[in-house]
Protein backbone atom coordinates (compact mmCIF):
# COMPACT_ATOMS: atom_id res chain seq x y z
CA MET A 1 -122.31 153.71 23.91
CA LEU A 2 -122.03 156.19 26.77
CA LEU A 3 -123.08 159.70 25.85
CA ALA A 4 -121.68 162.99 27.10
CA GLN A 5 -123.97 165.00 29.35
CA GLY A 6 -123.01 168.37 30.84
CA ALA A 7 -120.20 170.40 29.31
CA SER A 8 -117.35 170.90 31.80
CA TRP A 9 -114.99 172.74 29.37
CA PRO A 10 -117.43 173.73 26.64
CA GLN A 11 -115.53 176.26 24.52
CA PHE A 12 -112.30 178.15 23.97
CA ARG A 13 -111.00 178.84 27.52
CA GLY A 14 -113.68 176.74 29.16
CA ASN A 15 -116.53 177.86 31.42
CA GLN A 16 -117.45 181.52 30.85
CA ALA A 17 -114.31 181.69 28.67
CA SER A 18 -112.31 182.29 31.85
CA GLY A 19 -109.50 179.77 31.35
CA VAL A 20 -109.94 178.74 34.99
CA GLU A 21 -110.97 175.43 36.55
CA ASP A 22 -110.49 175.46 40.31
CA GLN A 23 -112.43 172.36 41.40
CA GLN A 24 -109.74 169.66 41.34
CA PRO A 25 -106.04 169.28 42.21
CA LEU A 26 -103.91 169.85 39.10
CA PRO A 27 -100.41 168.58 38.30
CA GLU A 28 -97.28 170.59 38.96
CA SER A 29 -94.86 168.30 37.16
CA TRP A 30 -94.83 165.42 34.70
CA ASP A 31 -92.44 163.62 32.36
CA ILE A 32 -93.97 162.45 29.09
CA ALA A 33 -90.86 160.51 28.06
CA LYS A 34 -90.96 158.48 31.28
CA ASN A 35 -94.78 158.20 31.38
CA SER A 36 -94.73 160.06 34.69
CA GLY A 37 -97.97 161.97 35.13
CA LEU A 38 -99.08 160.97 31.63
CA LYS A 39 -102.67 159.77 31.65
CA TRP A 40 -102.84 159.00 27.94
CA ARG A 41 -101.69 160.20 24.53
CA THR A 42 -103.69 159.76 21.33
CA ALA A 43 -102.39 160.45 17.83
CA VAL A 44 -104.50 162.78 15.68
CA PRO A 45 -103.40 163.43 12.07
CA GLY A 46 -103.32 166.77 10.31
CA LEU A 47 -102.85 170.27 11.67
CA SER A 48 -104.93 172.27 14.14
CA HIS A 49 -104.38 174.97 16.76
CA ALA A 50 -107.91 174.50 18.12
CA SER A 51 -108.30 173.53 21.77
CA ALA A 52 -110.12 170.45 22.99
CA VAL A 53 -113.59 170.89 24.47
CA VAL A 54 -115.15 168.53 27.00
CA ALA A 55 -118.71 167.34 27.61
CA GLY A 56 -119.26 164.63 30.20
CA ASP A 57 -117.05 161.64 29.45
CA ARG A 58 -116.06 162.80 25.95
CA LEU A 59 -113.71 165.39 24.49
CA PHE A 60 -113.80 166.81 20.99
CA VAL A 61 -111.06 168.14 18.72
CA VAL A 62 -110.92 169.21 15.08
CA THR A 63 -108.23 168.84 12.44
CA ALA A 64 -107.46 169.49 8.78
CA VAL A 65 -105.63 166.61 7.10
CA ALA A 66 -103.77 167.45 3.89
CA LYS A 67 -103.91 164.93 1.10
CA GLY A 68 -100.55 163.31 0.48
CA GLY A 69 -98.88 163.86 3.84
CA LYS A 70 -98.06 166.38 6.54
CA ALA A 71 -98.35 170.11 6.00
CA SER A 72 -95.53 172.40 7.10
CA LEU A 73 -95.68 174.49 10.27
CA LYS A 74 -93.21 177.28 11.01
CA ILE A 75 -93.05 178.41 14.64
CA GLY A 76 -90.96 181.04 16.43
CA ALA A 77 -90.71 184.83 16.30
CA TYR A 78 -90.48 186.11 12.75
CA GLY A 79 -91.96 189.06 10.92
CA ALA A 80 -92.74 187.45 7.57
CA GLY A 81 -96.42 187.33 6.72
CA ASP A 82 -96.23 184.70 4.02
CA SER A 83 -99.03 182.27 3.27
CA ALA A 84 -98.33 178.55 3.49
CA GLU A 85 -98.10 176.56 0.27
CA ASP A 86 -100.50 173.73 0.96
CA MET A 87 -103.48 174.48 -1.28
CA VAL A 88 -104.28 170.82 -1.82
CA GLU A 89 -107.32 168.78 -0.87
CA HIS A 90 -107.89 168.59 2.89
CA SER A 91 -110.20 166.47 5.00
CA PHE A 92 -111.82 168.70 7.64
CA GLN A 93 -112.57 166.40 10.55
CA VAL A 94 -114.18 166.29 14.00
CA TRP A 95 -112.80 163.71 16.46
CA CYS A 96 -114.45 162.40 19.64
CA LEU A 97 -112.20 160.81 22.28
CA ARG A 98 -112.96 159.22 25.64
CA LEU A 99 -111.86 161.42 28.50
CA ASP A 100 -110.74 158.57 30.74
CA ASP A 101 -108.39 156.75 28.37
CA GLY A 102 -108.13 158.72 25.11
CA ARG A 103 -109.65 156.01 22.94
CA VAL A 104 -111.20 157.26 19.71
CA ASP A 105 -114.98 157.07 19.88
CA TRP A 106 -115.78 158.45 16.44
CA VAL A 107 -114.39 160.54 13.59
CA ARG A 108 -116.49 162.52 11.13
CA THR A 109 -115.29 164.22 7.94
CA ALA A 110 -117.31 167.42 7.64
CA VAL A 111 -116.05 168.25 4.16
CA ARG A 112 -113.26 167.23 1.83
CA CYS A 113 -111.99 170.00 -0.46
CA VAL A 114 -109.19 172.38 -1.34
CA PRO A 115 -109.39 175.26 1.18
CA LYS A 116 -110.89 178.40 -0.30
CA PHE A 117 -108.12 180.55 1.17
CA ALA A 118 -104.51 179.97 2.17
CA ARG A 119 -103.26 180.09 5.75
CA HIS A 120 -100.31 181.77 7.45
CA THR A 121 -97.15 179.66 7.75
CA LYS A 122 -97.74 179.61 11.53
CA ALA A 123 -101.49 178.89 11.32
CA THR A 124 -103.59 175.90 10.26
CA HIS A 125 -106.80 175.34 8.30
CA ALA A 126 -108.53 174.27 11.53
CA ASP A 127 -107.82 177.00 14.07
CA PRO A 128 -111.27 177.78 15.58
CA THR A 129 -111.94 175.80 18.77
CA PRO A 130 -115.22 173.84 18.60
CA VAL A 131 -117.99 174.49 21.14
CA THR A 132 -120.44 172.16 22.88
CA ASP A 133 -123.54 172.47 25.04
CA GLY A 134 -123.39 168.81 26.11
CA GLN A 135 -125.78 167.73 23.36
CA HIS A 136 -124.29 169.33 20.25
CA VAL A 137 -120.76 169.92 18.98
CA ILE A 138 -120.22 172.87 16.65
CA ALA A 139 -117.13 172.99 14.42
CA VAL A 140 -116.19 176.01 12.30
CA PHE A 141 -113.81 175.44 9.39
CA GLY A 142 -113.71 179.01 8.11
CA ALA A 143 -114.90 179.46 4.54
CA GLN A 144 -115.54 175.69 4.38
CA GLY A 145 -118.54 176.17 6.68
CA MET A 146 -119.94 175.53 10.15
CA PHE A 147 -121.08 172.01 11.10
CA CYS A 148 -123.28 170.81 13.96
CA TYR A 149 -123.08 167.24 15.24
CA THR A 150 -124.72 165.49 18.15
CA VAL A 151 -122.25 164.26 20.77
CA ALA A 152 -122.92 160.80 19.30
CA GLY A 153 -121.56 161.96 15.93
CA ASP A 154 -124.74 162.52 13.91
CA LEU A 155 -124.73 165.52 11.58
CA VAL A 156 -127.61 167.85 12.50
CA TRP A 157 -127.00 170.79 10.15
CA GLN A 158 -124.36 172.75 8.29
CA VAL A 159 -124.16 176.43 7.38
CA ASP A 160 -122.22 178.37 4.75
CA LEU A 161 -120.50 181.24 6.58
CA GLY A 162 -119.47 183.07 3.42
CA GLU A 163 -116.08 184.19 2.14
CA LEU A 164 -114.14 184.26 5.40
CA ASP A 165 -110.89 185.65 4.04
CA VAL A 166 -108.65 187.01 6.81
CA GLY A 167 -105.26 188.67 6.55
CA PRO A 168 -103.49 192.01 7.05
CA HIS A 169 -105.44 195.27 6.71
CA ASN A 170 -103.51 196.56 3.76
CA SER A 171 -103.23 193.50 1.52
CA MET A 172 -105.92 191.65 -0.37
CA ASP A 173 -103.31 189.21 -1.66
CA LEU A 174 -102.07 187.79 1.65
CA HIS A 175 -104.25 185.15 3.31
CA TRP A 176 -103.63 184.09 6.92
CA GLY A 177 -106.63 181.93 7.76
CA TYR A 178 -109.78 182.29 9.89
CA ALA A 179 -109.40 181.60 13.63
CA SER A 180 -112.30 183.12 15.62
CA SER A 181 -113.99 180.42 17.69
CA PRO A 182 -117.77 180.10 18.01
CA THR A 183 -119.54 180.34 21.35
CA ILE A 184 -122.94 179.19 22.64
CA ALA A 185 -125.41 181.03 24.87
CA ASN A 186 -129.19 180.71 25.36
CA GLY A 187 -129.51 178.17 22.57
CA LEU A 188 -127.68 180.38 20.08
CA VAL A 189 -124.36 179.83 18.30
CA ILE A 190 -122.51 183.13 17.92
CA VAL A 191 -119.81 183.74 15.30
CA GLN A 192 -117.65 186.86 14.88
CA ALA A 193 -116.43 187.24 11.31
CA ASP A 194 -114.11 190.24 11.08
CA VAL A 195 -112.97 189.46 7.55
CA LYS A 196 -111.72 191.44 4.55
CA THR A 197 -115.11 191.95 2.92
CA LYS A 198 -118.55 192.25 4.53
CA PRO A 199 -117.55 191.57 8.17
CA TYR A 200 -120.36 190.58 10.53
CA LEU A 201 -121.46 189.23 13.90
CA ALA A 202 -124.23 186.63 13.71
CA ALA A 203 -126.21 184.04 15.66
CA TRP A 204 -127.90 180.78 14.66
CA HIS A 205 -130.35 178.57 16.56
CA ILE A 206 -128.37 175.57 17.76
CA ASP A 207 -131.24 173.09 17.32
CA THR A 208 -131.95 173.90 13.67
CA GLY A 209 -129.08 175.98 12.27
CA LYS A 210 -131.56 178.65 11.22
CA PRO A 211 -130.37 182.28 11.45
CA ALA A 212 -131.42 184.21 14.56
CA TRP A 213 -129.85 187.58 13.73
CA ARG A 214 -126.94 189.14 11.87
CA VAL A 215 -125.36 192.60 12.15
CA ASP A 216 -122.80 194.17 9.84
CA ARG A 217 -119.56 195.29 11.44
CA ASP A 218 -117.75 198.39 10.28
CA ASP A 219 -114.33 196.93 10.94
CA THR A 220 -111.29 195.25 9.44
CA THR A 221 -109.73 191.85 10.04
CA SER A 222 -109.31 190.26 13.44
CA TRP A 223 -109.08 186.79 14.95
CA ALA A 224 -110.82 187.53 18.25
CA THR A 225 -113.45 185.23 19.75
CA PRO A 226 -116.62 186.85 21.18
CA THR A 227 -117.37 186.54 24.90
CA VAL A 228 -120.91 186.40 26.33
CA VAL A 229 -121.29 188.15 29.69
CA SER A 230 -124.29 188.61 32.00
CA THR A 231 -125.02 192.22 32.96
CA ASP A 232 -127.89 194.11 34.60
CA ALA A 233 -129.16 194.76 31.07
CA GLY A 234 -129.17 191.05 30.20
CA LYS A 235 -126.60 188.93 28.39
CA LEU A 236 -124.27 190.82 26.09
CA VAL A 237 -121.88 189.66 23.38
CA TYR A 238 -118.55 191.46 23.81
CA VAL A 239 -116.20 191.72 20.84
CA ASN A 240 -112.66 192.92 20.34
CA GLY A 241 -111.89 194.69 17.09
CA CYS A 242 -109.47 196.84 15.14
CA LYS A 243 -111.59 199.94 14.55
CA HIS A 244 -113.74 199.45 17.60
CA MET A 245 -114.50 197.22 20.57
CA GLY A 246 -118.07 196.87 21.70
CA ALA A 247 -121.04 194.98 23.09
CA TYR A 248 -124.23 193.66 21.45
CA ARG A 249 -127.43 192.29 22.98
CA LEU A 250 -127.51 188.50 22.78
CA GLU A 251 -131.23 188.40 22.08
CA ASP A 252 -131.23 190.43 18.87
CA GLY A 253 -127.71 191.68 18.06
CA SER A 254 -128.50 195.33 18.72
CA GLU A 255 -125.48 197.43 19.68
CA VAL A 256 -125.13 198.54 23.33
CA TRP A 257 -121.81 200.40 23.17
CA ARG A 258 -118.72 200.86 21.07
CA MET A 259 -115.30 202.40 21.64
CA ALA A 260 -112.48 203.10 19.21
CA GLY A 261 -108.89 202.14 19.90
CA GLY A 262 -108.95 198.37 19.79
CA GLY A 263 -105.67 198.11 17.92
CA GLY A 264 -104.63 196.52 14.65
CA LEU A 265 -104.90 192.75 14.06
CA PRO A 266 -106.54 192.00 17.45
CA VAL A 267 -106.53 188.34 18.53
CA PRO A 268 -107.31 188.23 22.31
CA ALA A 269 -110.90 187.63 23.37
CA PRO A 270 -112.56 189.97 25.90
CA ILE A 271 -112.25 188.64 29.46
CA VAL A 272 -114.26 189.23 32.63
CA ALA A 273 -112.80 190.64 35.84
CA GLY A 274 -115.63 191.16 38.34
CA ASP A 275 -117.71 194.12 37.16
CA LEU A 276 -115.22 194.86 34.39
CA VAL A 277 -114.60 193.44 30.93
CA LEU A 278 -111.00 193.68 29.75
CA PHE A 279 -109.87 194.27 26.16
CA THR A 280 -106.31 194.17 24.86
CA SER A 281 -104.30 194.13 21.65
CA ASN A 282 -100.77 194.62 20.41
CA HIS A 283 -100.58 196.91 17.38
CA ARG A 284 -101.89 200.37 16.71
CA PRO A 285 -104.61 200.56 14.05
CA LEU A 286 -103.22 201.49 10.65
CA LYS A 287 -102.18 205.18 10.44
CA SER A 288 -103.39 205.85 13.96
CA SER A 289 -102.20 207.67 17.06
CA HIS A 290 -104.02 205.24 19.35
CA PRO A 291 -101.96 203.85 22.25
CA LEU A 292 -99.59 200.93 21.68
CA LYS A 293 -100.34 197.59 23.39
CA PRO A 294 -103.32 198.91 25.37
CA VAL A 295 -105.45 197.25 28.03
CA PHE A 296 -108.90 198.76 28.67
CA ALA A 297 -111.08 197.88 31.68
CA VAL A 298 -114.65 198.68 30.59
CA LYS A 299 -117.50 198.64 33.08
CA ARG A 300 -120.30 196.13 32.44
CA SER A 301 -122.75 199.04 32.78
CA ALA A 302 -121.29 200.89 29.78
CA THR A 303 -123.67 202.21 27.10
CA GLY A 304 -123.51 204.40 24.03
CA GLN A 305 -120.53 205.80 22.13
CA LEU A 306 -117.57 205.67 24.50
CA PRO A 307 -114.87 208.32 23.99
CA MET A 308 -111.32 207.14 23.44
CA PRO A 309 -109.79 207.00 26.96
CA SER A 310 -106.38 208.20 28.03
CA ARG A 311 -104.28 207.42 31.10
CA ASN A 312 -105.28 210.78 32.60
CA ASN A 313 -108.94 210.69 31.55
CA THR A 314 -110.55 207.28 31.18
CA GLY A 315 -114.10 208.65 31.10
CA GLU A 316 -117.28 207.49 32.77
CA HIS A 317 -117.38 203.92 31.50
CA VAL A 318 -113.73 202.87 31.62
CA ALA A 319 -112.35 202.05 35.08
CA TRP A 320 -108.68 202.10 34.05
CA MET A 321 -106.31 201.60 31.14
CA GLN A 322 -102.69 200.63 30.67
CA THR A 323 -100.33 200.79 27.70
CA ARG A 324 -97.33 198.75 26.54
CA VAL A 325 -98.42 195.59 28.35
CA GLY A 326 -101.16 194.42 25.96
CA ASN A 327 -101.18 191.06 24.22
CA TYR A 328 -100.81 190.15 20.57
CA ILE A 329 -101.87 186.52 20.18
CA GLN A 330 -102.70 185.17 23.64
CA THR A 331 -105.90 185.93 25.49
CA PRO A 332 -104.77 187.01 28.99
CA ILE A 333 -106.11 185.39 32.14
CA VAL A 334 -107.67 186.74 35.33
CA TYR A 335 -107.03 184.54 38.35
CA ARG A 336 -107.63 185.46 41.99
CA ASP A 337 -107.92 189.21 41.27
CA LEU A 338 -104.75 189.38 39.20
CA LEU A 339 -104.44 189.80 35.45
CA TYR A 340 -101.60 187.97 33.70
CA LEU A 341 -100.61 189.10 30.20
CA CYS A 342 -97.98 186.99 28.41
CA ALA A 343 -96.18 188.46 25.41
CA LEU A 344 -95.04 186.36 22.46
CA SER A 345 -91.53 186.56 23.93
CA GLY A 346 -92.60 185.02 27.25
CA ILE A 347 -92.56 188.25 29.26
CA VAL A 348 -95.52 188.17 31.67
CA SER A 349 -97.01 191.35 33.16
CA VAL A 350 -98.93 190.99 36.44
CA VAL A 351 -101.67 193.61 36.88
CA ASP A 352 -104.22 194.39 39.62
CA THR A 353 -107.65 193.88 38.02
CA LYS A 354 -109.33 196.53 40.19
CA THR A 355 -106.87 199.39 39.74
CA GLY A 356 -104.72 198.54 36.73
CA GLU A 357 -101.53 198.81 38.76
CA VAL A 358 -98.69 196.83 37.19
CA TYR A 359 -96.98 194.80 39.92
CA GLY A 360 -94.15 193.46 37.80
CA ARG A 361 -92.89 191.89 34.59
CA HIS A 362 -91.36 188.42 34.61
CA ARG A 363 -89.68 186.20 32.02
CA LEU A 364 -90.73 182.60 31.57
CA GLY A 365 -87.65 180.42 31.50
CA VAL A 366 -84.60 181.37 29.46
CA GLY A 367 -83.68 181.52 25.81
CA LYS A 368 -85.76 182.52 22.82
CA ALA A 369 -88.95 180.52 23.36
CA THR A 370 -92.17 181.97 21.94
CA PHE A 371 -95.66 181.67 23.41
CA SER A 372 -98.91 181.62 21.43
CA ALA A 373 -101.22 179.36 23.47
CA SER A 374 -103.32 181.26 26.01
CA PRO A 375 -102.65 180.43 29.67
CA VAL A 376 -105.04 178.44 31.87
CA ALA A 377 -105.19 178.27 35.65
CA GLY A 378 -106.43 176.24 38.59
CA ASP A 379 -105.42 174.82 41.96
CA GLY A 380 -103.31 177.94 42.66
CA LYS A 381 -101.22 177.43 39.53
CA LEU A 382 -100.90 178.99 36.07
CA TYR A 383 -99.87 177.09 32.95
CA PHE A 384 -98.05 178.85 30.08
CA THR A 385 -97.27 176.65 27.06
CA SER A 386 -94.47 177.61 24.67
CA GLU A 387 -94.72 176.91 20.96
CA GLU A 388 -91.93 174.38 21.38
CA GLY A 389 -94.20 172.45 23.78
CA ASP A 390 -92.66 173.33 27.15
CA VAL A 391 -95.32 173.96 29.80
CA HIS A 392 -94.21 176.52 32.39
CA VAL A 393 -95.99 176.12 35.73
CA VAL A 394 -96.20 179.25 37.89
CA LYS A 395 -97.56 179.73 41.41
CA ALA A 396 -100.34 182.33 41.29
CA GLY A 397 -99.58 185.63 42.99
CA LYS A 398 -97.70 188.91 42.68
CA ASP A 399 -94.33 187.22 43.23
CA PHE A 400 -94.73 184.96 40.19
CA GLU A 401 -92.89 181.97 41.58
CA GLN A 402 -91.97 179.53 38.80
CA LEU A 403 -92.54 175.94 39.90
CA GLY A 404 -91.19 174.03 36.93
CA ILE A 405 -91.04 173.39 33.19
CA ASN A 406 -92.61 170.24 31.72
CA PRO A 407 -91.93 169.32 28.06
CA LEU A 408 -94.70 167.78 25.97
CA GLY A 409 -92.20 166.53 23.42
CA GLU A 410 -93.79 168.26 20.42
CA ILE A 411 -94.97 171.64 19.15
CA CYS A 412 -98.02 173.05 20.89
CA MET A 413 -99.86 176.17 19.74
CA ALA A 414 -103.32 175.38 21.16
CA THR A 415 -104.64 176.56 24.51
CA PRO A 416 -104.99 173.66 27.00
CA ALA A 417 -108.32 172.45 28.36
CA ILE A 418 -108.96 171.28 31.94
CA ALA A 419 -111.39 168.57 33.04
CA ASN A 420 -111.59 166.24 36.05
CA GLY A 421 -108.15 167.21 37.32
CA THR A 422 -106.63 166.57 33.89
CA LEU A 423 -104.79 168.99 31.60
CA LEU A 424 -105.55 168.32 27.92
CA PHE A 425 -103.06 169.56 25.31
CA ARG A 426 -103.76 169.53 21.55
CA ALA A 427 -100.15 169.27 20.40
CA ARG A 428 -98.68 168.95 16.89
CA SER A 429 -99.46 165.26 16.42
CA HIS A 430 -101.26 164.12 19.57
CA VAL A 431 -103.83 164.99 22.18
CA ILE A 432 -101.96 164.61 25.48
CA ALA A 433 -103.60 164.20 28.89
CA VAL A 434 -101.60 164.76 32.08
CA HIS A 435 -103.06 164.47 35.54
CA HIS A 436 -102.39 165.04 39.21
CA GLN A 437 -100.60 162.13 40.87
CA LYS A 438 -101.72 161.39 44.41
């Protein structure tokens, strides 16, 4: 059996969590129904909004398979915060597929149980994207635990992550599901757990699963994934949050800086733009006068307690800020010095990463499509995937030229992965690979 080596798309949003892969030509158009541009399509049972990750010649996905049939999934724009009614036994699985043809290499069931907490009607019980360093594959299934496999499918260790109950700030009765993805840096697996009780940020040694450090977080619920960034002070773990955003030292978890104003129910991960790290969210924190839908550009050199910035006074450590363009669910993308922020409604704001100037706002397609998957980019193109499974291809640049719309033929809530000139979509019932046609 061939084994994966280096990790070409190792985590949520790929290398350095950028969402960008610019090394190969990427497709502009395809037709799944006619097999045009389709490299392969492999059925995977159950529900998951987790992205695929790629190491060498293998890709890895996770899923939660409900006993007795398919679980319901309600997409679209709606305000109801109900929990799904599927509290039955689930098989929490890790799948390994071949990158070249989509054949299933192995499947492992990490645990089989009734989930400890319910999920939102739009979520799944397997939302965190796995992470790989080319030798290990780490899967987080919320309160069901974290599991480490070799790329050959051997279980190395498992860890109980505690009661990871996530939902709205003001309700202990509503449960929406855990969705923060793990990340790997310097041989450590980092997990952000902004949950209802005893929230924390923690790291484990990837070889053994033994704890490296853990810090309590004075915050409420979020679904944001941490981002590791190199700075002059060493590698830092950047986190979005409701009560505060901040940075921690990778080596020991000690806090480097914090700043209030992150916004309620934050989902987007921090993203890098040169010497800046960008933070965004959609809602104001509960009972707060903080700005609505903010974007903050924090300098990598920031330290200490940062004052809450304003448009007229951003302070020493914040290069710029904007309001009313921030994201709710998607993590925005920086590509060729431009920041693209896509709202749930499909309205995309294009912003200069150096100055914060908003160049324009553009609608993707027509109608009432909603967008939850984060965009990815490469080969001069951006890919925005609607929940209905229509992939909007846009030429990068201020003018935002739309090149086409390509249907996948099924619901897609997961962010695509890119590897070897291939776009990999974890859709409702399949993993779908489309590629550039010469």
